[in-house]
Amino acid sequence: MNVQVLKTIAFGALIGAALFWMPFFVLKVLIFFLIIGFIFRIFRGRRYYGPHGWAYADKIRQMSDEEYETFKSRFGGRCGYHERKEQGETKE
């Protein structure tokens, strides 16, 4: 009978210690994964961010003059580029 009581007390103490330390462990694991994710985002760079990123640099370099003019007419007007250029606000 004493052994059963000691097993119950030991099990309760282990569960209590696990419940006490669980938030600290979970917080450390969460911070670890956030840091790893941040590092991957830094090294990923800008190659996945749309048509003006690094992914299109080789494609633009290999275009003929006519293809490049078509490309500029299609994508150059985004975010008010032409309006700022007409007002002299760009650095080009």
PDB file of N, CA and C in Angstrom:
ATOM      1  N   MET A   1       0.816  -1.182   0.000  1.00  0.00           N
ATOM      2  CA  MET A   1       0.000   0.000   0.000  1.00  0.00           C
ATOM      3  C   MET A   1       0.866   1.254   0.000  1.00  0.00           C
ATOM      4  N   ASN A   2       1.961   1.247   0.738  1.00  0.00           N
ATOM      5  CA  ASN A   2       2.856   2.404   0.763  1.00  0.00           C
ATOM      6  C   ASN A   2       3.510   2.638  -0.592  1.00  0.00           C
ATOM      7  N   VAL A   3       3.782   1.549  -1.329  1.00  0.00           N
ATOM      8  CA  VAL A   3       4.415   1.668  -2.632  1.00  0.00           C
ATOM      9  C   VAL A   3       3.459   2.366  -3.607  1.00  0.00           C
ATOM     10  N   GLN A   4       2.186   2.032  -3.539  1.00  0.00           N
ATOM     11  CA  GLN A   4       1.202   2.656  -4.419  1.00  0.00           C
ATOM     12  C   GLN A   4       1.101   4.160  -4.151  1.00  0.00           C
ATOM     13  N   VAL A   5       1.143   4.557  -2.893  1.00  0.00           N
ATOM     14  CA  VAL A   5       1.067   5.966  -2.537  1.00  0.00           C
ATOM     15  C   VAL A   5       2.319   6.695  -3.018  1.00  0.00           C
ATOM     16  N   LEU A   6       3.484   6.080  -2.855  1.00  0.00           N
ATOM     17  CA  LEU A   6       4.728   6.694  -3.315  1.00  0.00           C
ATOM     18  C   LEU A   6       4.755   6.849  -4.835  1.00  0.00           C
ATOM     19  N   LYS A   7       4.220   5.860  -5.564  1.00  0.00           N
ATOM     20  CA  LYS A   7       4.143   5.956  -7.021  1.00  0.00           C
ATOM     21  C   LYS A   7       3.238   7.112  -7.428  1.00  0.00           C
ATOM     22  N   THR A   8       2.127   7.269  -6.753  1.00  0.00           N
ATOM     23  CA  THR A   8       1.194   8.349  -7.065  1.00  0.00           C
ATOM     24  C   THR A   8       1.825   9.711  -6.776  1.00  0.00           C
ATOM     25  N   ILE A   9       2.543   9.821  -5.640  1.00  0.00           N
ATOM     26  CA  ILE A   9       3.206  11.083  -5.298  1.00  0.00           C
ATOM     27  C   ILE A   9       4.307  11.398  -6.315  1.00  0.00           C
ATOM     28  N   ALA A  10       5.100  10.402  -6.700  1.00  0.00           N
ATOM     29  CA  ALA A  10       6.172  10.610  -7.677  1.00  0.00           C
ATOM     30  C   ALA A  10       5.591  11.004  -9.035  1.00  0.00           C
ATOM     31  N   PHE A  11       4.525  10.349  -9.449  1.00  0.00           N
ATOM     32  CA  PHE A  11       3.889  10.679 -10.721  1.00  0.00           C
ATOM     33  C   PHE A  11       3.330  12.100 -10.687  1.00  0.00           C
ATOM     34  N   GLY A  12       2.712  12.471  -9.598  1.00  0.00           N
ATOM     35  CA  GLY A  12       2.175  13.829  -9.448  1.00  0.00           C
ATOM     36  C   GLY A  12       3.292  14.873  -9.471  1.00  0.00           C
ATOM     37  N   ALA A  13       4.407  14.560  -8.818  1.00  0.00           N
ATOM     38  CA  ALA A  13       5.532  15.496  -8.807  1.00  0.00           C
ATOM     39  C   ALA A  13       6.129  15.653 -10.208  1.00  0.00           C
ATOM     40  N   LEU A  14       6.237  14.556 -10.944  1.00  0.00           N
ATOM     41  CA  LEU A  14       6.747  14.629 -12.312  1.00  0.00           C
ATOM     42  C   LEU A  14       5.806  15.427 -13.223  1.00  0.00           C
ATOM     43  N   ILE A  15       4.521  15.184 -13.107  1.00  0.00           N
ATOM     44  CA  ILE A  15       3.551  15.935 -13.914  1.00  0.00           C
ATOM     45  C   ILE A  15       3.586  17.416 -13.533  1.00  0.00           C
ATOM     46  N   GLY A  16       3.674  17.713 -12.254  1.00  0.00           N
ATOM     47  CA  GLY A  16       3.736  19.106 -11.815  1.00  0.00           C
ATOM     48  C   GLY A  16       4.988  19.804 -12.314  1.00  0.00           C
ATOM     49  N   ALA A  17       6.128  19.124 -12.255  1.00  0.00           N
ATOM     50  CA  ALA A  17       7.376  19.713 -12.755  1.00  0.00           C
ATOM     51  C   ALA A  17       7.307  19.920 -14.271  1.00  0.00           C
ATOM     52  N   ALA A  18       6.718  18.954 -14.986  1.00  0.00           N
ATOM     53  CA  ALA A  18       6.593  19.085 -16.435  1.00  0.00           C
ATOM     54  C   ALA A  18       5.680  20.257 -16.787  1.00  0.00           C
ATOM     55  N   LEU A  19       4.578  20.389 -16.084  1.00  0.00           N
ATOM     56  CA  LEU A  19       3.672  21.500 -16.354  1.00  0.00           C
ATOM     57  C   LEU A  19       4.306  22.847 -15.995  1.00  0.00           C
ATOM     58  N   PHE A  20       5.155  22.867 -14.977  1.00  0.00           N
ATOM     59  CA  PHE A  20       5.829  24.104 -14.595  1.00  0.00           C
ATOM     60  C   PHE A  20       6.862  24.514 -15.638  1.00  0.00           C
ATOM     61  N   TRP A  21       7.667  23.564 -16.127  1.00  0.00           N
ATOM     62  CA  TRP A  21       8.747  23.885 -17.053  1.00  0.00           C
ATOM     63  C   TRP A  21       8.313  23.930 -18.512  1.00  0.00           C
ATOM     64  N   MET A  22       7.120  23.433 -18.837  1.00  0.00           N
ATOM     65  CA  MET A  22       6.655  23.390 -20.226  1.00  0.00           C
ATOM     66  C   MET A  22       6.635  24.770 -20.898  1.00  0.00           C
ATOM     67  N   PRO A  23       6.106  25.814 -20.293  1.00  0.00           N
ATOM     68  CA  PRO A  23       6.096  27.116 -20.987  1.00  0.00           C
ATOM     69  C   PRO A  23       7.495  27.634 -21.321  1.00  0.00           C
ATOM     70  N   PHE A  24       8.456  27.395 -20.440  1.00  0.00           N
ATOM     71  CA  PHE A  24       9.823  27.844 -20.704  1.00  0.00           C
ATOM     72  C   PHE A  24      10.413  27.093 -21.896  1.00  0.00           C
ATOM     73  N   PHE A  25      10.155  25.788 -21.952  1.00  0.00           N
ATOM     74  CA  PHE A  25      10.649  24.970 -23.059  1.00  0.00           C
ATOM     75  C   PHE A  25       9.980  25.375 -24.371  1.00  0.00           C
ATOM     76  N   VAL A  26       8.669  25.539 -24.352  1.00  0.00           N
ATOM     77  CA  VAL A  26       7.942  25.920 -25.555  1.00  0.00           C
ATOM     78  C   VAL A  26       8.397  27.298 -26.033  1.00  0.00           C
ATOM     79  N   LEU A  27       8.615  28.214 -25.122  1.00  0.00           N
ATOM     80  CA  LEU A  27       9.073  29.550 -25.487  1.00  0.00           C
ATOM     81  C   LEU A  27      10.455  29.488 -26.146  1.00  0.00           C
ATOM     82  N   LYS A  28      11.357  28.678 -25.613  1.00  0.00           N
ATOM     83  CA  LYS A  28      12.692  28.539 -26.206  1.00  0.00           C
ATOM     84  C   LYS A  28      12.608  27.933 -27.606  1.00  0.00           C
ATOM     85  N   VAL A  29      11.760  26.929 -27.786  1.00  0.00           N
ATOM     86  CA  VAL A  29      11.606  26.305 -29.099  1.00  0.00           C
ATOM     87  C   VAL A  29      11.009  27.308 -30.080  1.00  0.00           C
ATOM     88  N   LEU A  30      10.023  28.079 -29.667  1.00  0.00           N
ATOM     89  CA  LEU A  30       9.407  29.082 -30.521  1.00  0.00           C
ATOM     90  C   LEU A  30      10.415  30.147 -30.939  1.00  0.00           C
ATOM     91  N   ILE A  31      11.202  30.638 -30.007  1.00  0.00           N
ATOM     92  CA  ILE A  31      12.227  31.636 -30.329  1.00  0.00           C
ATOM     93  C   ILE A  31      13.266  31.057 -31.286  1.00  0.00           C
ATOM     94  N   PHE A  32      13.645  29.789 -31.071  1.00  0.00           N
ATOM     95  CA  PHE A  32      14.604  29.136 -31.969  1.00  0.00           C
ATOM     96  C   PHE A  32      14.089  29.107 -33.394  1.00  0.00           C
ATOM     97  N   PHE A  33      12.835  28.693 -33.588  1.00  0.00           N
ATOM     98  CA  PHE A  33      12.287  28.612 -34.938  1.00  0.00           C
ATOM     99  C   PHE A  33      12.082  29.997 -35.557  1.00  0.00           C
ATOM    100  N   LEU A  34      11.759  30.993 -34.765  1.00  0.00           N
ATOM    101  CA  LEU A  34      11.644  32.351 -35.290  1.00  0.00           C
ATOM    102  C   LEU A  34      12.990  32.868 -35.780  1.00  0.00           C
ATOM    103  N   ILE A  35      14.054  32.597 -35.031  1.00  0.00           N
ATOM    104  CA  ILE A  35      15.393  33.027 -35.446  1.00  0.00           C
ATOM    105  C   ILE A  35      15.822  32.307 -36.721  1.00  0.00           C
ATOM    106  N   ILE A  36      15.584  31.002 -36.799  1.00  0.00           N
ATOM    107  CA  ILE A  36      15.936  30.239 -37.999  1.00  0.00           C
ATOM    108  C   ILE A  36      15.153  30.761 -39.205  1.00  0.00           C
ATOM    109  N   GLY A  37      13.865  31.035 -39.036  1.00  0.00           N
ATOM    110  CA  GLY A  37      13.063  31.584 -40.124  1.00  0.00           C
ATOM    111  C   GLY A  37      13.556  32.936 -40.574  1.00  0.00           C
ATOM    112  N   PHE A  38      13.970  33.780 -39.634  1.00  0.00           N
ATOM    113  CA  PHE A  38      14.506  35.099 -39.967  1.00  0.00           C
ATOM    114  C   PHE A  38      15.796  34.970 -40.771  1.00  0.00           C
ATOM    115  N   ILE A  39      16.651  34.044 -40.388  1.00  0.00           N
ATOM    116  CA  ILE A  39      17.911  33.830 -41.113  1.00  0.00           C
ATOM    117  C   ILE A  39      17.630  33.370 -42.536  1.00  0.00           C
ATOM    118  N   PHE A  40      16.669  32.448 -42.722  1.00  0.00           N
ATOM    119  CA  PHE A  40      16.332  31.996 -44.068  1.00  0.00           C
ATOM    120  C   PHE A  40      15.773  33.139 -44.909  1.00  0.00           C
ATOM    121  N   ARG A  41      14.982  34.021 -44.307  1.00  0.00           N
ATOM    122  CA  ARG A  41      14.452  35.158 -45.062  1.00  0.00           C
ATOM    123  C   ARG A  41      15.554  36.109 -45.485  1.00  0.00           C
ATOM    124  N   ILE A  42      16.570  36.283 -44.647  1.00  0.00           N
ATOM    125  CA  ILE A  42      17.680  37.160 -45.011  1.00  0.00           C
ATOM    126  C   ILE A  42      18.443  36.586 -46.203  1.00  0.00           C
ATOM    127  N   PHE A  43      18.751  35.283 -46.170  1.00  0.00           N
ATOM    128  CA  PHE A  43      19.536  34.682 -47.240  1.00  0.00           C
ATOM    129  C   PHE A  43      18.731  34.483 -48.511  1.00  0.00           C
ATOM    130  N   ARG A  44      17.411  34.417 -48.400  1.00  0.00           N
ATOM    131  CA  ARG A  44      16.579  34.240 -49.580  1.00  0.00           C
ATOM    132  C   ARG A  44      16.665  35.482 -50.460  1.00  0.00           C
ATOM    133  N   GLY A  45      16.806  36.634 -49.857  1.00  0.00           N
ATOM    134  CA  GLY A  45      16.973  37.866 -50.613  1.00  0.00           C
ATOM    135  C   GLY A  45      15.708  38.315 -51.302  1.00  0.00           C
ATOM    136  N   ARG A  46      15.886  39.020 -52.414  1.00  0.00           N
ATOM    137  CA  ARG A  46      14.758  39.586 -53.140  1.00  0.00           C
ATOM    138  C   ARG A  46      14.414  38.800 -54.394  1.00  0.00           C
ATOM    139  N   ARG A  47      14.875  37.591 -54.542  1.00  0.00           N
ATOM    140  CA  ARG A  47      14.641  36.901 -55.805  1.00  0.00           C
ATOM    141  C   ARG A  47      13.207  36.413 -55.970  1.00  0.00           C
ATOM    142  N   TYR A  48      12.392  36.423 -54.938  1.00  0.00           N
ATOM    143  CA  TYR A  48      11.014  35.961 -55.054  1.00  0.00           C
ATOM    144  C   TYR A  48      10.016  37.099 -54.999  1.00  0.00           C
ATOM    145  N   TYR A  49      10.434  38.318 -55.175  1.00  0.00           N
ATOM    146  CA  TYR A  49       9.546  39.454 -54.964  1.00  0.00           C
ATOM    147  C   TYR A  49       9.146  40.147 -56.253  1.00  0.00           C
ATOM    148  N   GLY A  50       8.577  39.445 -57.191  1.00  0.00           N
ATOM    149  CA  GLY A  50       7.960  40.075 -58.335  1.00  0.00           C
ATOM    150  C   GLY A  50       8.873  40.319 -59.520  1.00  0.00           C
ATOM    151  N   PRO A  51       8.325  40.998 -60.544  1.00  0.00           N
ATOM    152  CA  PRO A  51       9.040  41.122 -61.816  1.00  0.00           C
ATOM    153  C   PRO A  51      10.256  42.031 -61.769  1.00  0.00           C
ATOM    154  N   HIS A  52      10.420  42.850 -60.732  1.00  0.00           N
ATOM    155  CA  HIS A  52      11.580  43.737 -60.662  1.00  0.00           C
ATOM    156  C   HIS A  52      12.685  43.165 -59.784  1.00  0.00           C
ATOM    157  N   GLY A  53      12.534  41.900 -59.366  1.00  0.00           N
ATOM    158  CA  GLY A  53      13.542  41.266 -58.512  1.00  0.00           C
ATOM    159  C   GLY A  53      14.667  40.667 -59.328  1.00  0.00           C
ATOM    160  N   TRP A  54      15.522  39.910 -58.678  1.00  0.00           N
ATOM    161  CA  TRP A  54      16.690  39.326 -59.326  1.00  0.00           C
ATOM    162  C   TRP A  54      16.320  38.220 -60.293  1.00  0.00           C
ATOM    163  N   ALA A  55      15.156  37.625 -60.144  1.00  0.00           N
ATOM    164  CA  ALA A  55      14.773  36.497 -60.991  1.00  0.00           C
ATOM    165  C   ALA A  55      14.642  36.917 -62.451  1.00  0.00           C
ATOM    166  N   TYR A  56      14.325  38.169 -62.719  1.00  0.00           N
ATOM    167  CA  TYR A  56      14.125  38.624 -64.084  1.00  0.00           C
ATOM    168  C   TYR A  56      15.339  39.339 -64.661  1.00  0.00           C
ATOM    169  N   ALA A  57      16.408  39.456 -63.941  1.00  0.00           N
ATOM    170  CA  ALA A  57      17.574  40.209 -64.421  1.00  0.00           C
ATOM    171  C   ALA A  57      18.160  39.583 -65.679  1.00  0.00           C
ATOM    172  N   ASP A  58      18.346  38.261 -65.697  1.00  0.00           N
ATOM    173  CA  ASP A  58      18.909  37.609 -66.880  1.00  0.00           C
ATOM    174  C   ASP A  58      17.961  37.689 -68.059  1.00  0.00           C
ATOM    175  N   LYS A  59      16.672  37.555 -67.780  1.00  0.00           N
ATOM    176  CA  LYS A  59      15.692  37.638 -68.854  1.00  0.00           C
ATOM    177  C   LYS A  59      15.710  39.024 -69.495  1.00  0.00           C
ATOM    178  N   ILE A  60      15.811  40.060 -68.690  1.00  0.00           N
ATOM    179  CA  ILE A  60      15.826  41.428 -69.212  1.00  0.00           C
ATOM    180  C   ILE A  60      17.120  41.687 -69.977  1.00  0.00           C
ATOM    181  N   ARG A  61      18.238  41.154 -69.503  1.00  0.00           N
ATOM    182  CA  ARG A  61      19.514  41.364 -70.193  1.00  0.00           C
ATOM    183  C   ARG A  61      19.530  40.728 -71.585  1.00  0.00           C
ATOM    184  N   GLN A  62      18.787  39.632 -71.756  1.00  0.00           N
ATOM    185  CA  GLN A  62      18.795  38.910 -73.023  1.00  0.00           C
ATOM    186  C   GLN A  62      17.733  39.413 -74.001  1.00  0.00           C
ATOM    187  N   MET A  63      16.945  40.417 -73.627  1.00  0.00           N
ATOM    188  CA  MET A  63      15.897  40.937 -74.514  1.00  0.00           C
ATOM    189  C   MET A  63      16.500  41.811 -75.610  1.00  0.00           C
ATOM    190  N   SER A  64      15.813  41.790 -76.748  1.00  0.00           N
ATOM    191  CA  SER A  64      16.195  42.732 -77.803  1.00  0.00           C
ATOM    192  C   SER A  64      15.633  44.103 -77.434  1.00  0.00           C
ATOM    193  N   ASP A  65      16.000  45.104 -78.228  1.00  0.00           N
ATOM    194  CA  ASP A  65      15.531  46.462 -77.936  1.00  0.00           C
ATOM    195  C   ASP A  65      14.014  46.560 -78.035  1.00  0.00           C
ATOM    196  N   GLU A  66      13.421  45.905 -79.023  1.00  0.00           N
ATOM    197  CA  GLU A  66      11.963  45.943 -79.175  1.00  0.00           C
ATOM    198  C   GLU A  66      11.271  45.251 -78.002  1.00  0.00           C
ATOM    199  N   GLU A  67      11.794  44.092 -77.607  1.00  0.00           N
ATOM    200  CA  GLU A  67      11.199  43.363 -76.469  1.00  0.00           C
ATOM    201  C   GLU A  67      11.322  44.176 -75.181  1.00  0.00           C
ATOM    202  N   TYR A  68      12.455  44.858 -75.038  1.00  0.00           N
ATOM    203  CA  TYR A  68      12.654  45.655 -73.822  1.00  0.00           C
ATOM    204  C   TYR A  68      11.698  46.847 -73.779  1.00  0.00           C
ATOM    205  N   GLU A  69      11.466  47.480 -74.897  1.00  0.00           N
ATOM    206  CA  GLU A  69      10.515  48.592 -74.939  1.00  0.00           C
ATOM    207  C   GLU A  69       9.105  48.110 -74.618  1.00  0.00           C
ATOM    208  N   THR A  70       8.742  46.927 -75.122  1.00  0.00           N
ATOM    209  CA  THR A  70       7.432  46.347 -74.796  1.00  0.00           C
ATOM    210  C   THR A  70       7.336  46.047 -73.305  1.00  0.00           C
ATOM    211  N   PHE A  71       8.413  45.501 -72.765  1.00  0.00           N
ATOM    212  CA  PHE A  71       8.435  45.188 -71.335  1.00  0.00           C
ATOM    213  C   PHE A  71       8.269  46.456 -70.494  1.00  0.00           C
ATOM    214  N   LYS A  72       8.997  47.505 -70.858  1.00  0.00           N
ATOM    215  CA  LYS A  72       8.891  48.761 -70.106  1.00  0.00           C
ATOM    216  C   LYS A  72       7.492  49.359 -70.211  1.00  0.00           C
ATOM    217  N   SER A  73       6.881  49.244 -71.372  1.00  0.00           N
ATOM    218  CA  SER A  73       5.536  49.814 -71.518  1.00  0.00           C
ATOM    219  C   SER A  73       4.513  49.029 -70.709  1.00  0.00           C
ATOM    220  N   ARG A  74       4.726  47.732 -70.551  1.00  0.00           N
ATOM    221  CA  ARG A  74       3.785  46.919 -69.778  1.00  0.00           C
ATOM    222  C   ARG A  74       4.002  47.048 -68.272  1.00  0.00           C
ATOM    223  N   PHE A  75       5.243  47.044 -67.816  1.00  0.00           N
ATOM    224  CA  PHE A  75       5.523  47.001 -66.382  1.00  0.00           C
ATOM    225  C   PHE A  75       6.046  48.313 -65.810  1.00  0.00           C
ATOM    226  N   GLY A  76       6.440  49.245 -66.629  1.00  0.00           N
ATOM    227  CA  GLY A  76       7.016  50.485 -66.138  1.00  0.00           C
ATOM    228  C   GLY A  76       6.014  51.410 -65.481  1.00  0.00           C
ATOM    229  N   GLY A  77       4.720  51.261 -65.768  1.00  0.00           N
ATOM    230  CA  GLY A  77       3.721  52.175 -65.240  1.00  0.00           C
ATOM    231  C   GLY A  77       3.234  51.835 -63.849  1.00  0.00           C
ATOM    232  N   ARG A  78       3.794  50.855 -63.222  1.00  0.00           N
ATOM    233  CA  ARG A  78       3.330  50.469 -61.887  1.00  0.00           C
ATOM    234  C   ARG A  78       3.824  51.441 -60.832  1.00  0.00           C
ATOM    235  N   CYS A  79       3.040  51.638 -59.823  1.00  0.00           N
ATOM    236  CA  CYS A  79       3.363  52.476 -58.666  1.00  0.00           C
ATOM    237  C   CYS A  79       3.632  53.925 -59.058  1.00  0.00           C
ATOM    238  N   GLY A  80       3.028  54.394 -60.141  1.00  0.00           N
ATOM    239  CA  GLY A  80       3.170  55.787 -60.525  1.00  0.00           C
ATOM    240  C   GLY A  80       4.531  56.139 -61.078  1.00  0.00           C
ATOM    241  N   TYR A  81       5.243  55.187 -61.661  1.00  0.00           N
ATOM    242  CA  TYR A  81       6.596  55.426 -62.152  1.00  0.00           C
ATOM    243  C   TYR A  81       6.621  56.533 -63.215  1.00  0.00           C
ATOM    244  N   HIS A  82       5.726  56.436 -64.211  1.00  0.00           N
ATOM    245  CA  HIS A  82       5.738  57.419 -65.294  1.00  0.00           C
ATOM    246  C   HIS A  82       5.322  58.798 -64.789  1.00  0.00           C
ATOM    247  N   GLU A  83       4.377  58.841 -63.859  1.00  0.00           N
ATOM    248  CA  GLU A  83       3.953  60.137 -63.333  1.00  0.00           C
ATOM    249  C   GLU A  83       5.090  60.821 -62.575  1.00  0.00           C
ATOM    250  N   ARG A  84       5.837  60.064 -61.794  1.00  0.00           N
ATOM    251  CA  ARG A  84       6.972  60.645 -61.067  1.00  0.00           C
ATOM    252  C   ARG A  84       8.068  61.054 -62.041  1.00  0.00           C
ATOM    253  N   LYS A  85       8.268  60.261 -63.097  1.00  0.00           N
ATOM    254  CA  LYS A  85       9.302  60.576 -64.080  1.00  0.00           C
ATOM    255  C   LYS A  85       8.951  61.869 -64.817  1.00  0.00           C
ATOM    256  N   GLU A  86       7.671  62.062 -65.117  1.00  0.00           N
ATOM    257  CA  GLU A  86       7.257  63.283 -65.805  1.00  0.00           C
ATOM    258  C   GLU A  86       7.430  64.496 -64.899  1.00  0.00           C
ATOM    259  N   GLN A  87       7.282  64.300 -63.604  1.00  0.00           N
ATOM    260  CA  GLN A  87       7.429  65.411 -62.669  1.00  0.00           C
ATOM    261  C   GLN A  87       8.864  65.627 -62.254  1.00  0.00           C
ATOM    262  N   GLY A  88       9.772  64.769 -62.698  1.00  0.00           N
ATOM    263  CA  GLY A  88      11.193  64.924 -62.387  1.00  0.00           C
ATOM    264  C   GLY A  88      11.573  64.450 -60.994  1.00  0.00           C
ATOM    265  N   GLU A  89      10.810  63.507 -60.432  1.00  0.00           N
ATOM    266  CA  GLU A  89      11.103  63.042 -59.079  1.00  0.00           C
ATOM    267  C   GLU A  89      11.993  61.818 -59.034  1.00  0.00           C
ATOM    268  N   THR A  90      12.277  61.185 -60.163  1.00  0.00           N
ATOM    269  CA  THR A  90      13.135  60.001 -60.139  1.00  0.00           C
ATOM    270  C   THR A  90      14.588  60.421 -60.226  1.00  0.00           C
ATOM    271  N   LYS A  91      15.484  59.533 -59.867  1.00  0.00           N
ATOM    272  CA  LYS A  91      16.915  59.835 -59.859  1.00  0.00           C
ATOM    273  C   LYS A  91      17.585  59.399 -61.153  1.00  0.00           C
ATOM    274  N   GLU A  92      16.829  58.919 -62.109  1.00  0.00           N
ATOM    275  CA  GLU A  92      17.428  58.422 -63.350  1.00  0.00           C
ATOM    276  C   GLU A  92      17.797  59.532 -64.289  1.00  0.00           C
TER     277      GLU A  92
END
